[in-house]
Amino acid sequence: MNFYKFCVFIGLLAMLHAAYSAAQHRSYLRLTEQEFTRLPWDILIQCFFSLVLVIHGVVHIAGSFREIRASADLDNKTWEMLGNRQGFLSFNHRGKSMYQDTWDR
């Protein structure tokens, strides 16, 4: 676990360094009055590898993945309980005030 926290720390540190290098490259181009086309390859590669390192560490810190089943909460309920949908019954709605003349008949 400590190794993966170290991976996340080093990855974030490398990403911070890549961001600082990108800002420094931009300011260098402004000083030399050159046009910005793209970042140098070393900054892009550093950013990519630091992102992979952070993702690797975070995935292993989070633990093992579990299956997500939509019917997991329905396993312990009976069929009669599932058929009873009281949450869908609504007798106090705006249709009553919109069609008041039909309700009075």
N, C-alpha and C. Protein backbone atom coordinates (compact mmCIF):
# COMPACT_ATOMS: atom_id res chain seq x y z
N MET A 1 0.83 -1.20 0.00
CA MET A 1 0.00 0.00 0.00
C MET A 1 0.88 1.26 0.00
N ASN A 2 1.95 1.24 0.75
CA ASN A 2 2.82 2.42 0.79
C ASN A 2 3.51 2.66 -0.54
N PHE A 3 3.81 1.55 -1.26
CA PHE A 3 4.43 1.69 -2.57
C PHE A 3 3.51 2.43 -3.53
N TYR A 4 2.21 2.12 -3.47
CA TYR A 4 1.27 2.76 -4.38
C TYR A 4 1.01 4.21 -4.00
N LYS A 5 1.05 4.52 -2.72
CA LYS A 5 0.96 5.92 -2.31
C LYS A 5 2.18 6.70 -2.79
N PHE A 6 3.33 6.04 -2.75
CA PHE A 6 4.55 6.65 -3.26
C PHE A 6 4.44 6.88 -4.76
N CYS A 7 3.83 5.91 -5.48
CA CYS A 7 3.62 6.08 -6.93
C CYS A 7 2.73 7.28 -7.21
N VAL A 8 1.67 7.43 -6.43
CA VAL A 8 0.77 8.57 -6.63
C VAL A 8 1.51 9.87 -6.34
N PHE A 9 2.29 9.90 -5.27
CA PHE A 9 3.03 11.10 -4.91
C PHE A 9 4.03 11.48 -6.00
N ILE A 10 4.81 10.50 -6.46
CA ILE A 10 5.80 10.77 -7.51
C ILE A 10 5.11 11.17 -8.81
N GLY A 11 4.00 10.53 -9.13
CA GLY A 11 3.26 10.88 -10.35
C GLY A 11 2.72 12.30 -10.30
N LEU A 12 2.17 12.69 -9.16
CA LEU A 12 1.66 14.06 -9.02
C LEU A 12 2.79 15.08 -9.06
N LEU A 13 3.91 14.71 -8.46
CA LEU A 13 5.06 15.59 -8.50
C LEU A 13 5.59 15.75 -9.93
N ALA A 14 5.62 14.65 -10.68
CA ALA A 14 6.07 14.72 -12.07
C ALA A 14 5.08 15.51 -12.92
N MET A 15 3.78 15.39 -12.62
CA MET A 15 2.78 16.15 -13.37
C MET A 15 2.90 17.64 -13.07
N LEU A 16 3.18 17.96 -11.82
CA LEU A 16 3.41 19.35 -11.45
C LEU A 16 4.64 19.90 -12.16
N HIS A 17 5.69 19.09 -12.27
CA HIS A 17 6.89 19.52 -12.97
C HIS A 17 6.62 19.71 -14.46
N ALA A 18 5.79 18.84 -15.03
CA ALA A 18 5.45 18.99 -16.46
C ALA A 18 4.65 20.27 -16.69
N ALA A 19 3.75 20.60 -15.76
CA ALA A 19 2.98 21.84 -15.90
C ALA A 19 3.89 23.06 -15.77
N TYR A 20 4.84 23.00 -14.84
CA TYR A 20 5.78 24.11 -14.70
C TYR A 20 6.66 24.23 -15.94
N SER A 21 7.08 23.11 -16.50
CA SER A 21 7.90 23.14 -17.71
C SER A 21 7.12 23.71 -18.89
N ALA A 22 5.84 23.38 -18.97
CA ALA A 22 5.00 23.91 -20.05
C ALA A 22 4.85 25.43 -19.91
N ALA A 23 4.65 25.90 -18.69
CA ALA A 23 4.53 27.35 -18.48
C ALA A 23 5.85 28.06 -18.78
N GLN A 24 6.95 27.43 -18.41
CA GLN A 24 8.26 28.02 -18.68
C GLN A 24 8.54 28.05 -20.18
N HIS A 25 8.14 27.00 -20.89
CA HIS A 25 8.32 26.97 -22.35
C HIS A 25 7.50 28.07 -23.02
N ARG A 26 6.28 28.28 -22.51
CA ARG A 26 5.42 29.35 -23.07
C ARG A 26 6.03 30.72 -22.85
N SER A 27 6.58 30.94 -21.65
CA SER A 27 7.18 32.26 -21.39
C SER A 27 8.46 32.44 -22.22
N TYR A 28 9.20 31.37 -22.46
CA TYR A 28 10.39 31.45 -23.32
C TYR A 28 10.00 31.84 -24.75
N LEU A 29 8.90 31.24 -25.24
CA LEU A 29 8.46 31.58 -26.59
C LEU A 29 8.00 33.03 -26.69
N ARG A 30 7.39 33.55 -25.64
CA ARG A 30 6.98 34.95 -25.65
C ARG A 30 8.19 35.89 -25.65
N LEU A 31 9.20 35.53 -24.87
CA LEU A 31 10.40 36.37 -24.81
C LEU A 31 11.14 36.39 -26.14
N THR A 32 11.20 35.27 -26.82
CA THR A 32 11.90 35.21 -28.10
C THR A 32 10.99 35.54 -29.27
N GLU A 33 9.75 35.90 -28.97
CA GLU A 33 8.74 36.29 -29.96
C GLU A 33 8.54 35.23 -31.04
N GLN A 34 8.50 34.00 -30.60
CA GLN A 34 8.21 32.89 -31.50
C GLN A 34 6.74 32.50 -31.34
N GLU A 35 6.20 31.86 -32.36
CA GLU A 35 4.81 31.44 -32.32
C GLU A 35 4.70 30.09 -31.62
N PHE A 36 3.68 29.97 -30.79
CA PHE A 36 3.44 28.69 -30.08
C PHE A 36 2.68 27.75 -31.00
N THR A 37 3.27 26.60 -31.29
CA THR A 37 2.59 25.60 -32.11
C THR A 37 2.17 24.40 -31.27
N ARG A 38 3.10 23.86 -30.49
CA ARG A 38 2.79 22.75 -29.60
C ARG A 38 3.88 22.63 -28.55
N LEU A 39 3.62 21.81 -27.55
CA LEU A 39 4.62 21.58 -26.51
C LEU A 39 5.70 20.63 -27.02
N PRO A 40 6.89 20.72 -26.47
CA PRO A 40 7.94 19.78 -26.86
C PRO A 40 7.58 18.35 -26.43
N TRP A 41 8.20 17.40 -27.11
CA TRP A 41 7.88 15.99 -26.87
C TRP A 41 8.24 15.55 -25.46
N ASP A 42 9.31 16.07 -24.90
CA ASP A 42 9.71 15.62 -23.56
C ASP A 42 8.67 16.00 -22.50
N ILE A 43 8.04 17.15 -22.67
CA ILE A 43 6.99 17.55 -21.72
C ILE A 43 5.76 16.67 -21.90
N LEU A 44 5.40 16.39 -23.13
CA LEU A 44 4.23 15.54 -23.38
C LEU A 44 4.45 14.12 -22.85
N ILE A 45 5.64 13.57 -23.07
CA ILE A 45 5.94 12.22 -22.58
C ILE A 45 5.95 12.19 -21.06
N GLN A 46 6.51 13.21 -20.44
CA GLN A 46 6.53 13.28 -18.98
C GLN A 46 5.12 13.37 -18.43
N CYS A 47 4.26 14.14 -19.05
CA CYS A 47 2.88 14.26 -18.60
C CYS A 47 2.13 12.93 -18.75
N PHE A 48 2.36 12.24 -19.86
CA PHE A 48 1.69 10.96 -20.09
C PHE A 48 2.13 9.92 -19.08
N PHE A 49 3.43 9.78 -18.86
CA PHE A 49 3.91 8.78 -17.91
C PHE A 49 3.53 9.11 -16.48
N SER A 50 3.48 10.37 -16.13
CA SER A 50 3.05 10.73 -14.78
C SER A 50 1.56 10.43 -14.60
N LEU A 51 0.77 10.63 -15.65
CA LEU A 51 -0.65 10.29 -15.57
C LEU A 51 -0.84 8.79 -15.41
N VAL A 52 -0.08 8.00 -16.15
CA VAL A 52 -0.16 6.54 -16.02
C VAL A 52 0.27 6.10 -14.62
N LEU A 53 1.30 6.72 -14.07
CA LEU A 53 1.76 6.38 -12.73
C LEU A 53 0.72 6.72 -11.68
N VAL A 54 0.07 7.86 -11.81
CA VAL A 54 -0.97 8.25 -10.85
C VAL A 54 -2.17 7.30 -10.96
N ILE A 55 -2.57 6.97 -12.17
CA ILE A 55 -3.71 6.06 -12.34
C ILE A 55 -3.39 4.69 -11.77
N HIS A 56 -2.18 4.20 -12.00
CA HIS A 56 -1.77 2.91 -11.46
C HIS A 56 -1.83 2.90 -9.94
N GLY A 57 -1.32 3.94 -9.32
CA GLY A 57 -1.33 4.01 -7.86
C GLY A 57 -2.73 4.13 -7.29
N VAL A 58 -3.56 4.96 -7.91
CA VAL A 58 -4.91 5.17 -7.39
C VAL A 58 -5.76 3.91 -7.52
N VAL A 59 -5.60 3.20 -8.62
CA VAL A 59 -6.38 1.97 -8.81
C VAL A 59 -6.01 0.93 -7.76
N HIS A 60 -4.74 0.83 -7.42
CA HIS A 60 -4.34 -0.16 -6.43
C HIS A 60 -4.63 0.28 -5.01
N ILE A 61 -4.68 1.57 -4.76
CA ILE A 61 -5.05 2.04 -3.43
C ILE A 61 -6.54 1.82 -3.18
N ALA A 62 -7.34 2.01 -4.22
CA ALA A 62 -8.80 1.88 -4.07
C ALA A 62 -9.23 0.47 -3.71
N GLY A 63 -8.43 -0.53 -4.01
CA GLY A 63 -8.77 -1.91 -3.67
C GLY A 63 -9.33 -2.65 -4.87
N SER A 64 -9.81 -3.84 -4.59
CA SER A 64 -10.32 -4.67 -5.68
C SER A 64 -11.69 -4.18 -6.11
N PHE A 65 -11.95 -4.34 -7.39
CA PHE A 65 -13.24 -3.92 -7.93
C PHE A 65 -14.28 -4.98 -7.63
N ARG A 66 -15.49 -4.55 -7.43
CA ARG A 66 -16.60 -5.47 -7.20
C ARG A 66 -17.58 -5.35 -8.34
N GLU A 67 -18.34 -6.40 -8.52
CA GLU A 67 -19.33 -6.41 -9.58
C GLU A 67 -20.50 -5.50 -9.20
N ILE A 68 -20.96 -4.74 -10.16
CA ILE A 68 -22.13 -3.89 -9.94
C ILE A 68 -23.32 -4.58 -10.58
N ARG A 69 -24.24 -4.98 -9.74
CA ARG A 69 -25.44 -5.63 -10.24
C ARG A 69 -26.64 -4.75 -9.91
N ALA A 70 -27.48 -4.56 -10.90
CA ALA A 70 -28.67 -3.72 -10.68
C ALA A 70 -29.69 -4.42 -9.80
N SER A 71 -29.69 -5.74 -9.79
CA SER A 71 -30.70 -6.47 -9.03
C SER A 71 -30.19 -6.92 -7.67
N ALA A 72 -29.09 -6.37 -7.18
CA ALA A 72 -28.52 -6.82 -5.91
C ALA A 72 -29.46 -6.50 -4.74
N ASP A 73 -30.12 -5.37 -4.76
CA ASP A 73 -31.02 -5.04 -3.67
C ASP A 73 -32.37 -5.74 -3.79
N LEU A 74 -32.63 -6.34 -4.93
CA LEU A 74 -33.91 -7.04 -5.12
C LEU A 74 -33.83 -8.52 -4.77
N ASP A 75 -32.65 -9.03 -4.43
CA ASP A 75 -32.49 -10.45 -4.16
C ASP A 75 -33.26 -10.91 -2.93
N ASN A 76 -33.39 -10.08 -1.92
CA ASN A 76 -34.05 -10.50 -0.69
C ASN A 76 -35.51 -10.06 -0.61
N LYS A 77 -36.09 -9.63 -1.71
CA LYS A 77 -37.50 -9.19 -1.71
C LYS A 77 -38.36 -10.22 -2.42
N THR A 78 -39.60 -10.33 -1.97
CA THR A 78 -40.52 -11.28 -2.57
C THR A 78 -41.19 -10.66 -3.78
N TRP A 79 -41.83 -11.52 -4.58
CA TRP A 79 -42.51 -11.07 -5.78
C TRP A 79 -43.71 -10.18 -5.44
N GLU A 80 -44.39 -10.48 -4.34
CA GLU A 80 -45.54 -9.66 -3.94
C GLU A 80 -45.11 -8.25 -3.55
N MET A 81 -43.96 -8.16 -2.93
CA MET A 81 -43.46 -6.84 -2.54
C MET A 81 -43.02 -6.04 -3.76
N LEU A 82 -42.47 -6.71 -4.77
CA LEU A 82 -42.05 -6.02 -5.98
C LEU A 82 -43.25 -5.53 -6.79
N GLY A 83 -44.36 -6.26 -6.74
CA GLY A 83 -45.54 -5.85 -7.48
C GLY A 83 -46.25 -4.67 -6.86
N ASN A 84 -46.01 -4.40 -5.59
CA ASN A 84 -46.65 -3.30 -4.88
C ASN A 84 -45.83 -2.04 -5.10
N ARG A 85 -46.28 -1.17 -5.97
CA ARG A 85 -45.54 0.04 -6.31
C ARG A 85 -46.26 1.28 -5.78
N GLN A 86 -46.24 1.44 -4.51
CA GLN A 86 -46.94 2.58 -3.92
C GLN A 86 -46.24 3.90 -4.20
N GLY A 87 -45.01 3.87 -4.54
CA GLY A 87 -44.29 5.09 -4.84
C GLY A 87 -44.80 5.77 -6.11
N PHE A 88 -45.47 5.03 -6.98
CA PHE A 88 -45.98 5.60 -8.21
C PHE A 88 -47.39 6.17 -8.05
N LEU A 89 -48.04 5.90 -6.94
CA LEU A 89 -49.39 6.41 -6.72
C LEU A 89 -49.31 7.84 -6.21
N SER A 90 -49.90 8.76 -6.94
CA SER A 90 -49.88 10.16 -6.56
C SER A 90 -51.27 10.74 -6.80
N PHE A 91 -51.96 11.06 -5.72
CA PHE A 91 -53.30 11.60 -5.84
C PHE A 91 -53.34 13.11 -5.65
N ASN A 92 -52.25 13.68 -5.21
CA ASN A 92 -52.18 15.12 -5.00
C ASN A 92 -51.22 15.70 -6.04
N HIS A 93 -51.74 16.03 -7.22
CA HIS A 93 -50.90 16.54 -8.29
C HIS A 93 -51.57 17.76 -8.90
N ARG A 94 -50.90 18.43 -9.82
CA ARG A 94 -51.40 19.68 -10.38
C ARG A 94 -52.55 19.48 -11.35
N GLY A 95 -52.78 18.27 -11.78
CA GLY A 95 -53.91 18.02 -12.65
C GLY A 95 -55.23 18.34 -11.97
N LYS A 96 -55.27 18.21 -10.67
CA LYS A 96 -56.47 18.52 -9.91
C LYS A 96 -56.83 20.00 -10.02
N SER A 97 -55.85 20.89 -9.97
CA SER A 97 -56.13 22.32 -10.05
C SER A 97 -56.30 22.78 -11.49
N MET A 98 -55.69 22.08 -12.45
CA MET A 98 -55.82 22.49 -13.85
C MET A 98 -57.19 22.13 -14.41
N TYR A 99 -57.73 21.04 -13.96
CA TYR A 99 -59.03 20.59 -14.47
C TYR A 99 -60.04 20.53 -13.33
N GLN A 100 -60.16 21.64 -12.62
CA GLN A 100 -61.05 21.71 -11.46
C GLN A 100 -62.51 21.54 -11.87
N ASP A 101 -62.89 22.05 -13.06
CA ASP A 101 -64.28 21.95 -13.48
C ASP A 101 -64.68 20.49 -13.77
N THR A 102 -63.77 19.66 -14.19
CA THR A 102 -64.12 18.24 -14.42
C THR A 102 -64.17 17.48 -13.12
N TRP A 103 -63.47 17.94 -12.09
CA TRP A 103 -63.50 17.25 -10.82
C TRP A 103 -64.78 17.57 -10.04
N ASP A 104 -65.38 18.70 -10.30
CA ASP A 104 -66.58 19.09 -9.57
C ASP A 104 -67.82 18.36 -10.02
N ARG A 105 -67.81 17.74 -11.18
CA ARG A 105 -69.01 17.07 -11.70
C ARG A 105 -69.37 15.85 -10.99
